[in-house]
Amino acid sequence: MEGATTGELFWGGIAALVTLAIFSFLYKDNPVFKVVERIWVGVTTGYWTMLLYHTSFTDKVITPIFERGQYFYLFPVILGILMWFRLSKTYGFLARYSLAFYIGISTGIFIPLTIKTAILYQLHGTIRPIEPTWTGLMFALAFIGIICSLSYFFFSKEHKGLLGVSSKIGIYTLMIGFGTGFGLTVMGRVALLGQRVSFLHDYIASLLGALF
């Protein structure tokens, strides 16, 4: 924020105060944190509401029906309106028709997509020649880990002997995978923390530079 204007310093100060108010939860749950939390939820809700209105409702309802004359879009609009009848004790059953269409269409779309991306592509990436290179060695280790992980979930036979060894290796492989995912999540949160700390540092430096 070097060379920031008065307006930028003002709004930056509000952002800094909000950031410190959020960080106050590290001490304990307090009224300041609760107020800022509710402001954040309200602003976020309003932002996403308007974003969905301009990017989805306008493109899917207003433009096709009123500008292009594509009146068949009224059918999904009616189904969407019926979803709100879940709030009614008398006519709540009408929402089931919308849910039935939604679940049926979603199932028809996502089952083939999931099979293709989560099963077929995974099999295609697993079953391939092992090259005598460093990459090939890494792939061989990953392939062994996959086989051992699958053997851990083989419950038709007692985990003894070779199956017991492979299932134990599979447990270690799964723990490494879970640990990596958890570590990635933690590092993402640490990156967010670092960004906010960097923002506070830059704002304080800019504010002192403007005052003195």
N, C-alpha and C. Protein backbone atom coordinates (compact mmCIF):
# COMPACT_ATOMS: atom_id res chain seq x y z
N MET A 1 0.82 -1.20 0.00
CA MET A 1 0.00 0.00 0.00
C MET A 1 0.86 1.26 0.00
N GLU A 2 2.01 1.19 -0.59
CA GLU A 2 2.92 2.33 -0.64
C GLU A 2 2.29 3.46 -1.45
N GLY A 3 2.36 4.68 -0.90
CA GLY A 3 1.79 5.82 -1.58
C GLY A 3 0.28 5.79 -1.64
N ALA A 4 -0.37 5.17 -0.63
CA ALA A 4 -1.83 5.03 -0.64
C ALA A 4 -2.50 6.37 -0.38
N THR A 5 -3.69 6.53 -0.96
CA THR A 5 -4.47 7.75 -0.75
C THR A 5 -5.21 7.66 0.58
N THR A 6 -5.86 8.76 0.94
CA THR A 6 -6.61 8.79 2.20
C THR A 6 -7.76 7.77 2.19
N GLY A 7 -8.45 7.67 1.05
CA GLY A 7 -9.54 6.69 0.95
C GLY A 7 -9.05 5.26 1.07
N GLU A 8 -7.90 4.99 0.44
CA GLU A 8 -7.34 3.63 0.53
C GLU A 8 -6.90 3.33 1.95
N LEU A 9 -6.35 4.32 2.65
CA LEU A 9 -5.96 4.10 4.04
C LEU A 9 -7.19 3.89 4.92
N PHE A 10 -8.28 4.61 4.62
CA PHE A 10 -9.50 4.45 5.41
C PHE A 10 -10.07 3.04 5.27
N TRP A 11 -10.26 2.59 4.02
CA TRP A 11 -10.82 1.26 3.82
C TRP A 11 -9.83 0.18 4.24
N GLY A 12 -8.54 0.44 4.05
CA GLY A 12 -7.55 -0.51 4.55
C GLY A 12 -7.57 -0.62 6.06
N GLY A 13 -7.85 0.52 6.74
CA GLY A 13 -7.97 0.48 8.20
C GLY A 13 -9.15 -0.35 8.65
N ILE A 14 -10.28 -0.24 7.95
CA ILE A 14 -11.44 -1.06 8.28
C ILE A 14 -11.10 -2.55 8.09
N ALA A 15 -10.42 -2.85 6.98
CA ALA A 15 -10.02 -4.25 6.74
C ALA A 15 -9.07 -4.74 7.82
N ALA A 16 -8.16 -3.87 8.26
CA ALA A 16 -7.23 -4.27 9.32
C ALA A 16 -7.95 -4.51 10.64
N LEU A 17 -8.90 -3.63 10.98
CA LEU A 17 -9.66 -3.82 12.21
C LEU A 17 -10.49 -5.10 12.17
N VAL A 18 -11.09 -5.38 11.00
CA VAL A 18 -11.87 -6.61 10.87
C VAL A 18 -10.96 -7.83 11.01
N THR A 19 -9.78 -7.75 10.42
CA THR A 19 -8.83 -8.87 10.54
C THR A 19 -8.44 -9.10 11.99
N LEU A 20 -8.14 -8.02 12.73
CA LEU A 20 -7.79 -8.16 14.14
C LEU A 20 -8.97 -8.67 14.95
N ALA A 21 -10.18 -8.26 14.58
CA ALA A 21 -11.37 -8.74 15.29
C ALA A 21 -11.55 -10.24 15.09
N ILE A 22 -11.27 -10.71 13.88
CA ILE A 22 -11.34 -12.16 13.63
C ILE A 22 -10.27 -12.89 14.42
N PHE A 23 -9.06 -12.32 14.45
CA PHE A 23 -7.97 -12.94 15.20
C PHE A 23 -8.23 -12.96 16.70
N SER A 24 -9.13 -12.09 17.19
CA SER A 24 -9.41 -12.05 18.62
C SER A 24 -10.03 -13.35 19.12
N PHE A 25 -10.54 -14.16 18.21
CA PHE A 25 -11.10 -15.46 18.61
C PHE A 25 -10.01 -16.38 19.16
N LEU A 26 -8.74 -16.12 18.81
CA LEU A 26 -7.64 -16.92 19.34
C LEU A 26 -7.53 -16.78 20.85
N TYR A 27 -7.98 -15.63 21.38
CA TYR A 27 -7.99 -15.44 22.83
C TYR A 27 -9.18 -16.14 23.45
N LYS A 28 -10.37 -15.80 23.00
CA LYS A 28 -11.59 -16.48 23.42
C LYS A 28 -12.74 -15.96 22.58
N ASP A 29 -13.86 -16.65 22.63
CA ASP A 29 -15.06 -16.20 21.93
C ASP A 29 -15.55 -14.92 22.61
N ASN A 30 -15.71 -13.85 21.82
CA ASN A 30 -16.04 -12.56 22.41
C ASN A 30 -17.05 -11.84 21.52
N PRO A 31 -17.72 -10.81 22.05
CA PRO A 31 -18.75 -10.09 21.27
C PRO A 31 -18.21 -9.45 20.00
N VAL A 32 -16.98 -8.95 20.03
CA VAL A 32 -16.40 -8.31 18.84
C VAL A 32 -16.30 -9.31 17.70
N PHE A 33 -15.80 -10.50 18.02
CA PHE A 33 -15.69 -11.54 17.00
C PHE A 33 -17.06 -11.92 16.46
N LYS A 34 -18.05 -12.03 17.34
CA LYS A 34 -19.39 -12.42 16.91
C LYS A 34 -20.00 -11.38 15.97
N VAL A 35 -19.79 -10.11 16.28
CA VAL A 35 -20.33 -9.05 15.42
C VAL A 35 -19.69 -9.11 14.03
N VAL A 36 -18.37 -9.20 14.00
CA VAL A 36 -17.67 -9.24 12.71
C VAL A 36 -18.02 -10.51 11.95
N GLU A 37 -18.18 -11.62 12.67
CA GLU A 37 -18.56 -12.87 12.02
C GLU A 37 -19.90 -12.74 11.33
N ARG A 38 -20.87 -12.12 11.99
CA ARG A 38 -22.20 -11.95 11.40
C ARG A 38 -22.18 -10.95 10.25
N ILE A 39 -21.35 -9.93 10.36
CA ILE A 39 -21.20 -8.99 9.24
C ILE A 39 -20.62 -9.72 8.03
N TRP A 40 -19.62 -10.55 8.27
CA TRP A 40 -18.99 -11.30 7.17
C TRP A 40 -20.00 -12.24 6.51
N VAL A 41 -20.78 -12.94 7.32
CA VAL A 41 -21.79 -13.85 6.77
C VAL A 41 -22.82 -13.08 5.95
N GLY A 42 -23.26 -11.92 6.47
CA GLY A 42 -24.24 -11.12 5.75
C GLY A 42 -23.71 -10.58 4.43
N VAL A 43 -22.48 -10.04 4.46
CA VAL A 43 -21.89 -9.51 3.23
C VAL A 43 -21.67 -10.62 2.22
N THR A 44 -21.18 -11.76 2.69
CA THR A 44 -20.95 -12.90 1.78
C THR A 44 -22.25 -13.38 1.17
N THR A 45 -23.30 -13.48 1.98
CA THR A 45 -24.60 -13.92 1.47
C THR A 45 -25.13 -12.95 0.42
N GLY A 46 -25.05 -11.65 0.72
CA GLY A 46 -25.50 -10.66 -0.25
C GLY A 46 -24.70 -10.69 -1.54
N TYR A 47 -23.39 -10.87 -1.40
CA TYR A 47 -22.53 -10.90 -2.60
C TYR A 47 -22.86 -12.09 -3.48
N TRP A 48 -22.97 -13.28 -2.88
CA TRP A 48 -23.26 -14.48 -3.67
C TRP A 48 -24.68 -14.45 -4.23
N THR A 49 -25.60 -13.83 -3.50
CA THR A 49 -26.96 -13.71 -4.02
C THR A 49 -26.98 -12.88 -5.29
N MET A 50 -26.33 -11.72 -5.26
CA MET A 50 -26.29 -10.88 -6.45
C MET A 50 -25.47 -11.51 -7.56
N LEU A 51 -24.40 -12.23 -7.20
CA LEU A 51 -23.59 -12.89 -8.21
C LEU A 51 -24.40 -13.96 -8.93
N LEU A 52 -25.14 -14.76 -8.16
CA LEU A 52 -25.98 -15.79 -8.77
C LEU A 52 -27.11 -15.18 -9.60
N TYR A 53 -27.61 -14.03 -9.16
CA TYR A 53 -28.67 -13.37 -9.92
C TYR A 53 -28.16 -12.92 -11.29
N HIS A 54 -26.99 -12.32 -11.32
CA HIS A 54 -26.46 -11.78 -12.58
C HIS A 54 -25.82 -12.85 -13.46
N THR A 55 -25.34 -13.95 -12.87
CA THR A 55 -24.66 -14.97 -13.67
C THR A 55 -25.53 -16.19 -13.97
N SER A 56 -26.57 -16.41 -13.18
CA SER A 56 -27.41 -17.60 -13.39
C SER A 56 -28.86 -17.24 -13.69
N PHE A 57 -29.49 -16.47 -12.81
CA PHE A 57 -30.91 -16.15 -12.99
C PHE A 57 -31.14 -15.34 -14.26
N THR A 58 -30.28 -14.35 -14.50
CA THR A 58 -30.44 -13.53 -15.71
C THR A 58 -30.23 -14.35 -16.97
N ASP A 59 -29.18 -15.18 -16.97
CA ASP A 59 -28.86 -15.96 -18.18
C ASP A 59 -29.80 -17.13 -18.40
N LYS A 60 -30.35 -17.68 -17.32
CA LYS A 60 -31.17 -18.88 -17.44
C LYS A 60 -32.67 -18.61 -17.43
N VAL A 61 -33.08 -17.42 -16.99
CA VAL A 61 -34.52 -17.13 -16.88
C VAL A 61 -34.90 -15.89 -17.68
N ILE A 62 -34.35 -14.76 -17.31
CA ILE A 62 -34.79 -13.50 -17.92
C ILE A 62 -34.45 -13.43 -19.40
N THR A 63 -33.16 -13.67 -19.74
CA THR A 63 -32.74 -13.54 -21.14
C THR A 63 -33.42 -14.56 -22.05
N PRO A 64 -33.43 -15.87 -21.72
CA PRO A 64 -34.07 -16.82 -22.64
C PRO A 64 -35.58 -16.60 -22.81
N ILE A 65 -36.28 -16.29 -21.73
CA ILE A 65 -37.74 -16.21 -21.79
C ILE A 65 -38.22 -14.88 -22.36
N PHE A 66 -37.70 -13.78 -21.82
CA PHE A 66 -38.24 -12.47 -22.16
C PHE A 66 -37.55 -11.82 -23.36
N GLU A 67 -36.33 -12.25 -23.67
CA GLU A 67 -35.61 -11.65 -24.79
C GLU A 67 -35.56 -12.56 -26.02
N ARG A 68 -35.45 -13.85 -25.79
CA ARG A 68 -35.33 -14.78 -26.90
C ARG A 68 -36.64 -15.53 -27.20
N GLY A 69 -37.59 -15.45 -26.29
CA GLY A 69 -38.85 -16.14 -26.50
C GLY A 69 -38.76 -17.64 -26.38
N GLN A 70 -37.79 -18.15 -25.65
CA GLN A 70 -37.63 -19.60 -25.44
C GLN A 70 -38.46 -19.99 -24.22
N TYR A 71 -39.75 -20.19 -24.44
CA TYR A 71 -40.67 -20.39 -23.33
C TYR A 71 -40.57 -21.76 -22.68
N PHE A 72 -39.83 -22.67 -23.30
CA PHE A 72 -39.66 -23.97 -22.64
C PHE A 72 -38.82 -23.85 -21.38
N TYR A 73 -38.15 -22.69 -21.20
CA TYR A 73 -37.42 -22.47 -19.95
C TYR A 73 -38.37 -22.28 -18.77
N LEU A 74 -39.64 -22.07 -19.05
CA LEU A 74 -40.61 -21.93 -17.97
C LEU A 74 -40.75 -23.23 -17.17
N PHE A 75 -40.50 -24.37 -17.82
CA PHE A 75 -40.63 -25.65 -17.11
C PHE A 75 -39.65 -25.76 -15.95
N PRO A 76 -38.34 -25.52 -16.14
CA PRO A 76 -37.45 -25.55 -14.97
C PRO A 76 -37.74 -24.44 -13.98
N VAL A 77 -38.26 -23.29 -14.46
CA VAL A 77 -38.62 -22.21 -13.54
C VAL A 77 -39.74 -22.66 -12.61
N ILE A 78 -40.73 -23.34 -13.17
CA ILE A 78 -41.84 -23.84 -12.35
C ILE A 78 -41.34 -24.87 -11.34
N LEU A 79 -40.43 -25.73 -11.79
CA LEU A 79 -39.86 -26.72 -10.86
C LEU A 79 -39.09 -26.04 -9.74
N GLY A 80 -38.39 -24.96 -10.07
CA GLY A 80 -37.68 -24.21 -9.04
C GLY A 80 -38.62 -23.56 -8.06
N ILE A 81 -39.73 -23.03 -8.55
CA ILE A 81 -40.72 -22.41 -7.65
C ILE A 81 -41.34 -23.46 -6.73
N LEU A 82 -41.56 -24.66 -7.27
CA LEU A 82 -42.15 -25.73 -6.44
C LEU A 82 -41.24 -26.11 -5.27
N MET A 83 -39.93 -25.91 -5.43
CA MET A 83 -39.01 -26.24 -4.34
C MET A 83 -39.32 -25.43 -3.08
N TRP A 84 -39.84 -24.21 -3.28
CA TRP A 84 -40.13 -23.36 -2.13
C TRP A 84 -41.34 -23.84 -1.34
N PHE A 85 -42.14 -24.74 -1.91
CA PHE A 85 -43.30 -25.25 -1.20
C PHE A 85 -42.92 -26.17 -0.04
N ARG A 86 -41.63 -26.49 0.07
CA ARG A 86 -41.19 -27.26 1.24
C ARG A 86 -41.39 -26.47 2.53
N LEU A 87 -41.50 -25.16 2.41
CA LEU A 87 -41.73 -24.34 3.60
C LEU A 87 -43.18 -24.38 4.05
N SER A 88 -44.06 -24.97 3.25
CA SER A 88 -45.48 -25.04 3.57
C SER A 88 -45.82 -26.43 4.12
N LYS A 89 -46.57 -26.46 5.21
CA LYS A 89 -46.99 -27.74 5.77
C LYS A 89 -48.10 -28.37 4.93
N THR A 90 -48.89 -27.54 4.28
CA THR A 90 -50.02 -28.06 3.50
C THR A 90 -49.60 -28.53 2.12
N TYR A 91 -48.78 -27.73 1.43
CA TYR A 91 -48.41 -28.03 0.05
C TYR A 91 -46.94 -28.45 -0.08
N GLY A 92 -46.37 -28.91 1.01
CA GLY A 92 -44.97 -29.31 0.97
C GLY A 92 -44.69 -30.48 0.04
N PHE A 93 -45.73 -31.30 -0.22
CA PHE A 93 -45.54 -32.47 -1.09
C PHE A 93 -45.22 -32.08 -2.52
N LEU A 94 -45.58 -30.85 -2.94
CA LEU A 94 -45.30 -30.42 -4.31
C LEU A 94 -43.81 -30.32 -4.59
N ALA A 95 -43.03 -30.06 -3.54
CA ALA A 95 -41.58 -29.96 -3.73
C ALA A 95 -40.97 -31.30 -4.10
N ARG A 96 -41.68 -32.41 -3.83
CA ARG A 96 -41.13 -33.72 -4.15
C ARG A 96 -41.00 -33.92 -5.66
N TYR A 97 -41.87 -33.31 -6.43
CA TYR A 97 -41.77 -33.44 -7.88
C TYR A 97 -40.48 -32.79 -8.40
N SER A 98 -40.16 -31.63 -7.88
CA SER A 98 -38.91 -30.97 -8.26
C SER A 98 -37.71 -31.78 -7.82
N LEU A 99 -37.76 -32.29 -6.59
CA LEU A 99 -36.66 -33.10 -6.09
C LEU A 99 -36.48 -34.36 -6.92
N ALA A 100 -37.60 -34.96 -7.35
CA ALA A 100 -37.51 -36.17 -8.16
C ALA A 100 -36.81 -35.89 -9.49
N PHE A 101 -37.18 -34.80 -10.15
CA PHE A 101 -36.52 -34.43 -11.39
C PHE A 101 -35.04 -34.13 -11.15
N TYR A 102 -34.76 -33.38 -10.09
CA TYR A 102 -33.38 -32.99 -9.81
C TYR A 102 -32.51 -34.20 -9.52
N ILE A 103 -33.00 -35.09 -8.66
CA ILE A 103 -32.22 -36.28 -8.31
C ILE A 103 -32.05 -37.19 -9.52
N GLY A 104 -33.11 -37.36 -10.31
CA GLY A 104 -33.01 -38.21 -11.49
C GLY A 104 -32.03 -37.68 -12.51
N ILE A 105 -32.12 -36.39 -12.82
CA ILE A 105 -31.20 -35.81 -13.79
C ILE A 105 -29.77 -35.81 -13.27
N SER A 106 -29.58 -35.45 -12.00
CA SER A 106 -28.24 -35.44 -11.43
C SER A 106 -27.62 -36.83 -11.41
N THR A 107 -28.44 -37.83 -11.08
CA THR A 107 -27.93 -39.19 -11.08
C THR A 107 -27.52 -39.63 -12.48
N GLY A 108 -28.36 -39.32 -13.45
CA GLY A 108 -28.04 -39.70 -14.83
C GLY A 108 -26.79 -39.03 -15.36
N ILE A 109 -26.51 -37.83 -14.88
CA ILE A 109 -25.32 -37.10 -15.35
C ILE A 109 -24.08 -37.53 -14.60
N PHE A 110 -24.16 -37.62 -13.28
CA PHE A 110 -22.97 -37.79 -12.48
C PHE A 110 -22.50 -39.22 -12.36
N ILE A 111 -23.39 -40.20 -12.51
CA ILE A 111 -22.92 -41.59 -12.43
C ILE A 111 -21.96 -41.92 -13.58
N PRO A 112 -22.33 -41.68 -14.86
CA PRO A 112 -21.34 -41.93 -15.93
C PRO A 112 -20.09 -41.07 -15.79
N LEU A 113 -20.26 -39.82 -15.37
CA LEU A 113 -19.11 -38.94 -15.22
C LEU A 113 -18.18 -39.44 -14.12
N THR A 114 -18.75 -39.89 -13.01
CA THR A 114 -17.94 -40.41 -11.91
C THR A 114 -17.24 -41.69 -12.30
N ILE A 115 -17.95 -42.58 -12.99
CA ILE A 115 -17.32 -43.83 -13.44
C ILE A 115 -16.15 -43.53 -14.38
N LYS A 116 -16.34 -42.55 -15.25
CA LYS A 116 -15.28 -42.22 -16.21
C LYS A 116 -14.07 -41.59 -15.54
N THR A 117 -14.31 -40.61 -14.65
CA THR A 117 -13.20 -39.87 -14.05
C THR A 117 -12.58 -40.58 -12.86
N ALA A 118 -13.41 -41.20 -12.02
CA ALA A 118 -12.91 -41.79 -10.77
C ALA A 118 -12.50 -43.25 -10.92
N ILE A 119 -12.95 -43.93 -11.98
CA ILE A 119 -12.62 -45.35 -12.14
C ILE A 119 -11.83 -45.59 -13.42
N LEU A 120 -12.40 -45.25 -14.56
CA LEU A 120 -11.74 -45.57 -15.83
C LEU A 120 -10.43 -44.81 -16.00
N TYR A 121 -10.44 -43.51 -15.73
CA TYR A 121 -9.21 -42.73 -15.85
C TYR A 121 -8.16 -43.19 -14.84
N GLN A 122 -8.62 -43.57 -13.64
CA GLN A 122 -7.68 -44.06 -12.63
C GLN A 122 -7.06 -45.39 -13.07
N LEU A 123 -7.88 -46.27 -13.65
CA LEU A 123 -7.35 -47.54 -14.15
C LEU A 123 -6.38 -47.30 -15.31
N HIS A 124 -6.74 -46.35 -16.17
CA HIS A 124 -5.86 -46.04 -17.30
C HIS A 124 -4.51 -45.51 -16.83
N GLY A 125 -4.54 -44.70 -15.75
CA GLY A 125 -3.28 -44.17 -15.22
C GLY A 125 -2.49 -45.19 -14.44
N THR A 126 -3.16 -46.24 -13.95
CA THR A 126 -2.46 -47.25 -13.15
C THR A 126 -1.87 -48.36 -14.00
N ILE A 127 -2.61 -48.77 -15.02
CA ILE A 127 -2.17 -49.89 -15.87
C ILE A 127 -1.42 -49.32 -17.07
N ARG A 128 -0.12 -49.29 -16.97
CA ARG A 128 0.73 -48.80 -18.05
C ARG A 128 2.12 -49.41 -17.89
N PRO A 129 2.92 -49.40 -18.92
CA PRO A 129 4.27 -49.99 -18.83
C PRO A 129 5.15 -49.25 -17.82
N ILE A 130 6.00 -50.00 -17.14
CA ILE A 130 6.94 -49.42 -16.18
C ILE A 130 8.27 -49.20 -16.89
N GLU A 131 8.68 -47.96 -17.02
CA GLU A 131 9.90 -47.61 -17.72
C GLU A 131 11.09 -47.64 -16.76
N PRO A 132 12.28 -48.00 -17.25
CA PRO A 132 13.49 -48.05 -16.39
C PRO A 132 14.05 -46.65 -16.13
N THR A 133 13.24 -45.78 -15.59
CA THR A 133 13.65 -44.42 -15.27
C THR A 133 13.22 -44.10 -13.84
N TRP A 134 13.62 -42.92 -13.37
CA TRP A 134 13.22 -42.49 -12.04
C TRP A 134 11.70 -42.34 -11.95
N THR A 135 11.09 -41.81 -13.01
CA THR A 135 9.64 -41.71 -13.05
C THR A 135 8.98 -43.08 -13.01
N GLY A 136 9.59 -44.04 -13.74
CA GLY A 136 9.07 -45.40 -13.72
C GLY A 136 9.16 -46.02 -12.34
N LEU A 137 10.25 -45.73 -11.62
CA LEU A 137 10.39 -46.25 -10.26
C LEU A 137 9.32 -45.67 -9.35
N MET A 138 9.06 -44.38 -9.47
CA MET A 138 8.02 -43.75 -8.65
C MET A 138 6.65 -44.35 -8.96
N PHE A 139 6.43 -44.62 -10.25
CA PHE A 139 5.16 -45.23 -10.63
C PHE A 139 5.04 -46.64 -10.06
N ALA A 140 6.15 -47.40 -10.09
CA ALA A 140 6.12 -48.76 -9.54
C ALA A 140 5.79 -48.74 -8.05
N LEU A 141 6.38 -47.80 -7.31
CA LEU A 141 6.08 -47.69 -5.89
C LEU A 141 4.62 -47.31 -5.67
N ALA A 142 4.11 -46.38 -6.49
CA ALA A 142 2.70 -45.99 -6.38
C ALA A 142 1.79 -47.17 -6.71
N PHE A 143 2.17 -47.97 -7.72
CA PHE A 143 1.36 -49.12 -8.09
C PHE A 143 1.33 -50.16 -6.97
N ILE A 144 2.48 -50.39 -6.34
CA ILE A 144 2.53 -51.33 -5.21
C ILE A 144 1.65 -50.81 -4.07
N GLY A 145 1.71 -49.49 -3.82
CA GLY A 145 0.88 -48.92 -2.77
C GLY A 145 -0.60 -49.07 -3.05
N ILE A 146 -0.99 -48.93 -4.31
CA ILE A 146 -2.40 -49.09 -4.68
C ILE A 146 -2.85 -50.53 -4.45
N ILE A 147 -2.05 -51.50 -4.89
CA ILE A 147 -2.41 -52.91 -4.72
C ILE A 147 -2.50 -53.25 -3.24
N CYS A 148 -1.54 -52.78 -2.45
CA CYS A 148 -1.56 -53.08 -1.02
C CYS A 148 -2.74 -52.39 -0.33
N SER A 149 -3.07 -51.19 -0.77
CA SER A 149 -4.23 -50.50 -0.18
C SER A 149 -5.52 -51.23 -0.48
N LEU A 150 -5.65 -51.76 -1.71
CA LEU A 150 -6.84 -52.53 -2.06
C LEU A 150 -6.89 -53.84 -1.28
N SER A 151 -5.73 -54.45 -1.02
CA SER A 151 -5.71 -55.70 -0.27
C SER A 151 -6.16 -55.50 1.17
N TYR A 152 -5.98 -54.29 1.70
CA TYR A 152 -6.43 -54.02 3.06
C TYR A 152 -7.95 -54.14 3.18
N PHE A 153 -8.66 -53.82 2.10
CA PHE A 153 -10.12 -53.88 2.10
C PHE A 153 -10.65 -55.23 1.62
N PHE A 154 -9.79 -56.23 1.51
CA PHE A 154 -10.21 -57.58 1.14
C PHE A 154 -10.54 -58.32 2.43
N PHE A 155 -11.84 -58.46 2.73
CA PHE A 155 -12.28 -59.00 4.01
C PHE A 155 -12.73 -60.46 3.93
N SER A 156 -12.65 -61.06 2.76
CA SER A 156 -13.10 -62.45 2.62
C SER A 156 -12.08 -63.45 3.16
N LYS A 157 -10.89 -62.98 3.46
CA LYS A 157 -9.84 -63.86 3.98
C LYS A 157 -9.13 -63.15 5.12
N GLU A 158 -8.73 -63.93 6.11
CA GLU A 158 -8.04 -63.35 7.26
C GLU A 158 -6.70 -62.76 6.84
N HIS A 159 -6.39 -61.60 7.40
CA HIS A 159 -5.16 -60.91 7.03
C HIS A 159 -3.96 -61.56 7.71
N LYS A 160 -3.49 -62.65 7.13
CA LYS A 160 -2.30 -63.37 7.60
C LYS A 160 -1.41 -63.67 6.42
N GLY A 161 -0.14 -63.91 6.72
CA GLY A 161 0.80 -64.26 5.66
C GLY A 161 1.04 -63.10 4.71
N LEU A 162 1.06 -63.42 3.40
CA LEU A 162 1.31 -62.40 2.38
C LEU A 162 0.23 -61.33 2.39
N LEU A 163 -1.03 -61.76 2.58
CA LEU A 163 -2.12 -60.79 2.62
C LEU A 163 -1.99 -59.87 3.82
N GLY A 164 -1.53 -60.40 4.94
CA GLY A 164 -1.33 -59.57 6.13
C GLY A 164 -0.24 -58.53 5.92
N VAL A 165 0.85 -58.95 5.27
CA VAL A 165 1.94 -58.01 5.00
C VAL A 165 1.48 -56.91 4.04
N SER A 166 0.80 -57.30 2.96
CA SER A 166 0.35 -56.32 1.97
C SER A 166 -0.69 -55.37 2.56
N SER A 167 -1.57 -55.91 3.41
CA SER A 167 -2.58 -55.03 4.02
C SER A 167 -1.95 -54.04 4.98
N LYS A 168 -0.88 -54.47 5.68
CA LYS A 168 -0.20 -53.53 6.58
C LYS A 168 0.51 -52.44 5.78
N ILE A 169 1.12 -52.82 4.67
CA ILE A 169 1.71 -51.81 3.79
C ILE A 169 0.61 -50.87 3.26
N GLY A 170 -0.56 -51.46 2.97
CA GLY A 170 -1.68 -50.65 2.51
C GLY A 170 -2.12 -49.63 3.54
N ILE A 171 -2.09 -50.03 4.84
CA ILE A 171 -2.44 -49.09 5.91
C ILE A 171 -1.46 -47.91 5.92
N TYR A 172 -0.17 -48.22 5.81
CA TYR A 172 0.83 -47.16 5.79
C TYR A 172 0.63 -46.24 4.57
N THR A 173 0.31 -46.85 3.44
CA THR A 173 0.08 -46.05 2.24
C THR A 173 -1.11 -45.13 2.41
N LEU A 174 -2.19 -45.65 3.00
CA LEU A 174 -3.37 -44.82 3.24
C LEU A 174 -3.07 -43.70 4.22
N MET A 175 -2.30 -44.00 5.26
CA MET A 175 -1.96 -42.97 6.24
C MET A 175 -1.10 -41.88 5.61
N ILE A 176 -0.19 -42.27 4.73
CA ILE A 176 0.62 -41.27 4.02
C ILE A 176 -0.27 -40.39 3.16
N GLY A 177 -1.23 -41.01 2.46
CA GLY A 177 -2.15 -40.24 1.64
C GLY A 177 -3.00 -39.28 2.46
N PHE A 178 -3.56 -39.77 3.58
CA PHE A 178 -4.37 -38.91 4.44
C PHE A 178 -3.52 -37.78 5.04
N GLY A 179 -2.30 -38.13 5.45
CA GLY A 179 -1.42 -37.13 6.03
C GLY A 179 -1.05 -36.05 5.03
N THR A 180 -0.82 -36.47 3.77
CA THR A 180 -0.50 -35.50 2.73
C THR A 180 -1.67 -34.55 2.49
N GLY A 181 -2.88 -35.12 2.43
CA GLY A 181 -4.06 -34.28 2.24
C GLY A 181 -4.26 -33.31 3.39
N PHE A 182 -4.04 -33.80 4.62
CA PHE A 182 -4.18 -32.94 5.80
C PHE A 182 -3.11 -31.85 5.79
N GLY A 183 -1.88 -32.24 5.44
CA GLY A 183 -0.81 -31.26 5.38
C GLY A 183 -1.07 -30.18 4.34
N LEU A 184 -1.62 -30.59 3.20
CA LEU A 184 -1.96 -29.62 2.16
C LEU A 184 -3.01 -28.64 2.65
N THR A 185 -4.00 -29.15 3.40
CA THR A 185 -5.03 -28.27 3.96
C THR A 185 -4.44 -27.29 4.97
N VAL A 186 -3.57 -27.80 5.83
CA VAL A 186 -2.94 -26.93 6.83
C VAL A 186 -2.09 -25.86 6.16
N MET A 187 -1.31 -26.24 5.14
CA MET A 187 -0.48 -25.27 4.45
C MET A 187 -1.32 -24.21 3.75
N GLY A 188 -2.49 -24.61 3.25
CA GLY A 188 -3.38 -23.63 2.65
C GLY A 188 -3.85 -22.61 3.67
N ARG A 189 -4.17 -23.09 4.89
CA ARG A 189 -4.60 -22.17 5.94
C ARG A 189 -3.44 -21.29 6.40
N VAL A 190 -2.24 -21.86 6.47
CA VAL A 190 -1.08 -21.07 6.85
C VAL A 190 -0.79 -19.99 5.81
N ALA A 191 -0.99 -20.33 4.53
CA ALA A 191 -0.81 -19.33 3.47
C ALA A 191 -1.79 -18.18 3.63
N LEU A 192 -3.04 -18.49 3.99
CA LEU A 192 -4.02 -17.43 4.24
C LEU A 192 -3.61 -16.56 5.43
N LEU A 193 -3.10 -17.22 6.48
CA LEU A 193 -2.63 -16.47 7.64
C LEU A 193 -1.47 -15.55 7.26
N GLY A 194 -0.53 -16.09 6.48
CA GLY A 194 0.60 -15.28 6.06
C GLY A 194 0.17 -14.08 5.22
N GLN A 195 -0.84 -14.27 4.39
CA GLN A 195 -1.33 -13.17 3.57
C GLN A 195 -1.91 -12.06 4.43
N ARG A 196 -2.69 -12.44 5.46
CA ARG A 196 -3.30 -11.43 6.32
C ARG A 196 -2.24 -10.71 7.16
N VAL A 197 -1.25 -11.45 7.65
CA VAL A 197 -0.18 -10.82 8.43
C VAL A 197 0.61 -9.87 7.54
N SER A 198 0.87 -10.28 6.30
CA SER A 198 1.56 -9.40 5.36
C SER A 198 0.75 -8.14 5.07
N PHE A 199 -0.57 -8.31 4.97
CA PHE A 199 -1.44 -7.15 4.75
C PHE A 199 -1.37 -6.19 5.92
N LEU A 200 -1.42 -6.72 7.15
CA LEU A 200 -1.35 -5.85 8.33
C LEU A 200 -0.01 -5.12 8.39
N HIS A 201 1.06 -5.82 8.05
CA HIS A 201 2.39 -5.19 8.05
C HIS A 201 2.46 -4.06 7.03
N ASP A 202 1.97 -4.31 5.82
CA ASP A 202 2.01 -3.29 4.77
C ASP A 202 1.12 -2.10 5.13
N TYR A 203 -0.04 -2.38 5.75
CA TYR A 203 -0.94 -1.28 6.10
C TYR A 203 -0.34 -0.41 7.19
N ILE A 204 0.24 -1.02 8.21
CA ILE A 204 0.85 -0.23 9.29
C ILE A 204 2.00 0.61 8.75
N ALA A 205 2.80 0.01 7.85
CA ALA A 205 3.91 0.76 7.25
C ALA A 205 3.40 1.94 6.44
N SER A 206 2.33 1.74 5.67
CA SER A 206 1.76 2.82 4.87
C SER A 206 1.15 3.90 5.76
N LEU A 207 0.47 3.47 6.84
CA LEU A 207 -0.15 4.44 7.75
C LEU A 207 0.92 5.29 8.45
N LEU A 208 1.99 4.66 8.93
CA LEU A 208 3.06 5.43 9.57
C LEU A 208 3.75 6.35 8.58
N GLY A 209 3.90 5.87 7.33
CA GLY A 209 4.51 6.70 6.31
C GLY A 209 3.66 7.91 5.98
N ALA A 210 2.33 7.76 6.01
CA ALA A 210 1.44 8.88 5.71
C ALA A 210 1.40 9.88 6.86
N LEU A 211 1.51 9.38 8.10
CA LEU A 211 1.41 10.25 9.26
C LEU A 211 2.73 10.98 9.56
N PHE A 212 3.83 10.28 9.34
CA PHE A 212 5.11 10.84 9.70
C PHE A 212 6.03 11.03 8.48
